[in-house]
Amino acid sequence: MREPERRIIEMRLEREKLERRIHELADVGEVAFGSHAIERMEERGISDVQVLRALKTGEIRGDVTPGDRPAEWKCKIVEKMRGMREIGVVTIVIRNKRLFIKTVEWEDLK
């Protein structure tokens, strides 16, 4: 029975490492916005400054899943904007070196 518990702890640590890496990559500007993300930002009134802030300080919410290509991980970073709503940024971490923003949304509009 101890083996499954250890796996849960290891997954949590990996999740924390991925979150830290997203923060680091956002800090140095290794971020690319997909056309869909740009369209959703314009439609929803979300600025690039808000997205970058979320990437630099937000937390992973929900599942972390493999991306479409090897060495990719997909997750959602969520951050409460100061005095505002929560923003969700669906992010793909590419080879642990770059972030690709797939889409952006307000979390309370689901």
C-alpha atoms as a PDB file:
ATOM      1  CA  MET A   1       0.000   0.000   0.000  1.00  0.00           C
ATOM      2  CA  ARG A   2       2.905   2.383   0.511  1.00  0.00           C
ATOM      3  CA  GLU A   3       3.855   2.285  -3.175  1.00  0.00           C
ATOM      4  CA  PRO A   4       0.771   4.225  -4.413  1.00  0.00           C
ATOM      5  CA  GLU A   5       1.314   6.880  -1.722  1.00  0.00           C
ATOM      6  CA  ARG A   6       4.897   7.378  -2.885  1.00  0.00           C
ATOM      7  CA  ARG A   7       3.725   7.800  -6.471  1.00  0.00           C
ATOM      8  CA  ILE A   8       1.295  10.509  -5.393  1.00  0.00           C
ATOM      9  CA  ILE A   9       4.077  12.397  -3.632  1.00  0.00           C
ATOM     10  CA  GLU A  10       6.386  12.055  -6.661  1.00  0.00           C
ATOM     11  CA  MET A  11       3.644  13.350  -8.994  1.00  0.00           C
ATOM     12  CA  ARG A  12       3.057  16.320  -6.692  1.00  0.00           C
ATOM     13  CA  LEU A  13       6.776  17.158  -6.688  1.00  0.00           C
ATOM     14  CA  GLU A  14       6.920  16.937 -10.470  1.00  0.00           C
ATOM     15  CA  ARG A  15       3.894  19.202 -10.684  1.00  0.00           C
ATOM     16  CA  GLU A  16       5.636  21.723  -8.422  1.00  0.00           C
ATOM     17  CA  LYS A  17       8.779  21.521 -10.572  1.00  0.00           C
ATOM     18  CA  LEU A  18       6.726  22.149 -13.713  1.00  0.00           C
ATOM     19  CA  GLU A  19       5.013  25.131 -12.099  1.00  0.00           C
ATOM     20  CA  ARG A  20       8.384  26.590 -11.057  1.00  0.00           C
ATOM     21  CA  ARG A  21       9.733  26.059 -14.575  1.00  0.00           C
ATOM     22  CA  ILE A  22       6.739  27.878 -16.087  1.00  0.00           C
ATOM     23  CA  HIS A  23       7.420  30.823 -13.753  1.00  0.00           C
ATOM     24  CA  GLU A  24      11.104  30.857 -14.773  1.00  0.00           C
ATOM     25  CA  LEU A  25      10.383  30.693 -18.506  1.00  0.00           C
ATOM     26  CA  ALA A  26       7.830  33.495 -18.226  1.00  0.00           C
ATOM     27  CA  ASP A  27      10.355  35.626 -16.307  1.00  0.00           C
ATOM     28  CA  VAL A  28      12.877  35.410 -19.157  1.00  0.00           C
ATOM     29  CA  GLY A  29      10.304  35.887 -21.915  1.00  0.00           C
ATOM     30  CA  GLU A  30      10.316  32.408 -23.433  1.00  0.00           C
ATOM     31  CA  VAL A  31       6.619  32.705 -24.289  1.00  0.00           C
ATOM     32  CA  ALA A  32       4.869  32.369 -27.657  1.00  0.00           C
ATOM     33  CA  PHE A  33       1.191  33.177 -28.171  1.00  0.00           C
ATOM     34  CA  GLY A  34      -0.829  31.076 -30.599  1.00  0.00           C
ATOM     35  CA  SER A  35      -3.266  32.810 -32.921  1.00  0.00           C
ATOM     36  CA  HIS A  36      -6.206  31.248 -31.067  1.00  0.00           C
ATOM     37  CA  ALA A  37      -4.919  32.670 -27.768  1.00  0.00           C
ATOM     38  CA  ILE A  38      -4.511  36.124 -29.298  1.00  0.00           C
ATOM     39  CA  GLU A  39      -8.065  36.006 -30.680  1.00  0.00           C
ATOM     40  CA  ARG A  40      -9.473  34.932 -27.298  1.00  0.00           C
ATOM     41  CA  MET A  41      -7.498  37.664 -25.506  1.00  0.00           C
ATOM     42  CA  GLU A  42      -8.983  40.303 -27.785  1.00  0.00           C
ATOM     43  CA  GLU A  43     -12.477  38.821 -27.487  1.00  0.00           C
ATOM     44  CA  ARG A  44     -12.321  38.558 -23.693  1.00  0.00           C
ATOM     45  CA  GLY A  45     -10.470  41.779 -22.937  1.00  0.00           C
ATOM     46  CA  ILE A  46      -7.413  40.047 -21.473  1.00  0.00           C
ATOM     47  CA  SER A  47      -4.058  41.771 -21.966  1.00  0.00           C
ATOM     48  CA  ASP A  48      -0.658  40.216 -22.575  1.00  0.00           C
ATOM     49  CA  VAL A  49       0.485  41.827 -19.308  1.00  0.00           C
ATOM     50  CA  GLN A  50      -2.230  39.912 -17.437  1.00  0.00           C
ATOM     51  CA  VAL A  51      -1.268  36.648 -19.146  1.00  0.00           C
ATOM     52  CA  LEU A  52       2.419  37.112 -18.330  1.00  0.00           C
ATOM     53  CA  ARG A  53       1.614  37.963 -14.713  1.00  0.00           C
ATOM     54  CA  ALA A  54      -0.414  34.761 -14.430  1.00  0.00           C
ATOM     55  CA  LEU A  55       2.437  32.736 -15.923  1.00  0.00           C
ATOM     56  CA  LYS A  56       4.953  34.284 -13.535  1.00  0.00           C
ATOM     57  CA  THR A  57       2.959  33.844 -10.324  1.00  0.00           C
ATOM     58  CA  GLY A  58      -0.024  31.552 -10.945  1.00  0.00           C
ATOM     59  CA  GLU A  59      -0.544  27.946  -9.997  1.00  0.00           C
ATOM     60  CA  ILE A  60      -1.325  24.844 -11.989  1.00  0.00           C
ATOM     61  CA  ARG A  61      -4.989  23.931 -11.668  1.00  0.00           C
ATOM     62  CA  GLY A  62      -6.434  20.695 -12.976  1.00  0.00           C
ATOM     63  CA  ASP A  63      -4.601  17.948 -14.802  1.00  0.00           C
ATOM     64  CA  VAL A  64      -1.158  18.017 -16.345  1.00  0.00           C
ATOM     65  CA  THR A  65      -1.284  16.003 -19.559  1.00  0.00           C
ATOM     66  CA  PRO A  66       1.230  15.087 -22.253  1.00  0.00           C
ATOM     67  CA  GLY A  67       1.199  17.415 -25.248  1.00  0.00           C
ATOM     68  CA  ASP A  68       0.773  16.354 -28.863  1.00  0.00           C
ATOM     69  CA  ARG A  69       4.531  15.997 -29.379  1.00  0.00           C
ATOM     70  CA  PRO A  70       7.267  14.317 -27.335  1.00  0.00           C
ATOM     71  CA  ALA A  71       8.666  16.385 -24.442  1.00  0.00           C
ATOM     72  CA  GLU A  72       5.544  18.565 -24.206  1.00  0.00           C
ATOM     73  CA  TRP A  73       3.287  19.050 -21.190  1.00  0.00           C
ATOM     74  CA  LYS A  74      -0.064  20.810 -21.179  1.00  0.00           C
ATOM     75  CA  CYS A  75      -1.653  22.444 -18.150  1.00  0.00           C
ATOM     76  CA  LYS A  76      -3.686  25.430 -17.052  1.00  0.00           C
ATOM     77  CA  ILE A  77      -2.120  28.185 -14.986  1.00  0.00           C
ATOM     78  CA  VAL A  78      -4.639  30.150 -12.915  1.00  0.00           C
ATOM     79  CA  GLU A  79      -4.070  33.456 -11.159  1.00  0.00           C
ATOM     80  CA  LYS A  80      -6.398  35.900  -9.469  1.00  0.00           C
ATOM     81  CA  MET A  81      -5.852  39.315 -10.947  1.00  0.00           C
ATOM     82  CA  ARG A  82      -5.536  42.028  -8.319  1.00  0.00           C
ATOM     83  CA  GLY A  83      -9.047  43.192  -7.450  1.00  0.00           C
ATOM     84  CA  MET A  84     -10.414  41.224 -10.386  1.00  0.00           C
ATOM     85  CA  ARG A  85     -11.372  37.787 -11.567  1.00  0.00           C
ATOM     86  CA  GLU A  86      -9.322  34.663 -12.062  1.00  0.00           C
ATOM     87  CA  ILE A  87      -7.604  34.210 -15.405  1.00  0.00           C
ATOM     88  CA  GLY A  88      -6.834  30.764 -16.835  1.00  0.00           C
ATOM     89  CA  VAL A  89      -3.948  30.321 -19.268  1.00  0.00           C
ATOM     90  CA  VAL A  90      -3.776  26.984 -21.090  1.00  0.00           C
ATOM     91  CA  THR A  91      -0.049  26.491 -21.508  1.00  0.00           C
ATOM     92  CA  ILE A  92       2.114  23.967 -23.315  1.00  0.00           C
ATOM     93  CA  VAL A  93       5.652  23.579 -21.997  1.00  0.00           C
ATOM     94  CA  ILE A  94       7.874  22.639 -24.935  1.00  0.00           C
ATOM     95  CA  ARG A  95      11.027  20.666 -24.140  1.00  0.00           C
ATOM     96  CA  ASN A  96      11.238  22.472 -20.800  1.00  0.00           C
ATOM     97  CA  LYS A  97      12.582  25.497 -22.726  1.00  0.00           C
ATOM     98  CA  ARG A  98       9.620  27.467 -24.067  1.00  0.00           C
ATOM     99  CA  LEU A  99       5.966  28.180 -23.315  1.00  0.00           C
ATOM    100  CA  PHE A 100       3.243  28.136 -25.942  1.00  0.00           C
ATOM    101  CA  ILE A 101      -0.034  29.778 -24.954  1.00  0.00           C
ATOM    102  CA  LYS A 102      -2.912  27.820 -26.465  1.00  0.00           C
ATOM    103  CA  THR A 103      -5.833  29.808 -25.072  1.00  0.00           C
ATOM    104  CA  VAL A 104      -6.804  32.259 -22.337  1.00  0.00           C
ATOM    105  CA  GLU A 105     -10.088  32.515 -20.446  1.00  0.00           C
ATOM    106  CA  TRP A 106     -11.837  34.015 -17.471  1.00  0.00           C
ATOM    107  CA  GLU A 107     -12.404  31.176 -15.015  1.00  0.00           C
ATOM    108  CA  ASP A 108     -15.853  32.337 -13.873  1.00  0.00           C
ATOM    109  CA  LEU A 109     -17.426  32.234 -17.350  1.00  0.00           C
ATOM    110  CA  LYS A 110     -17.772  28.466 -17.629  1.00  0.00           C
END
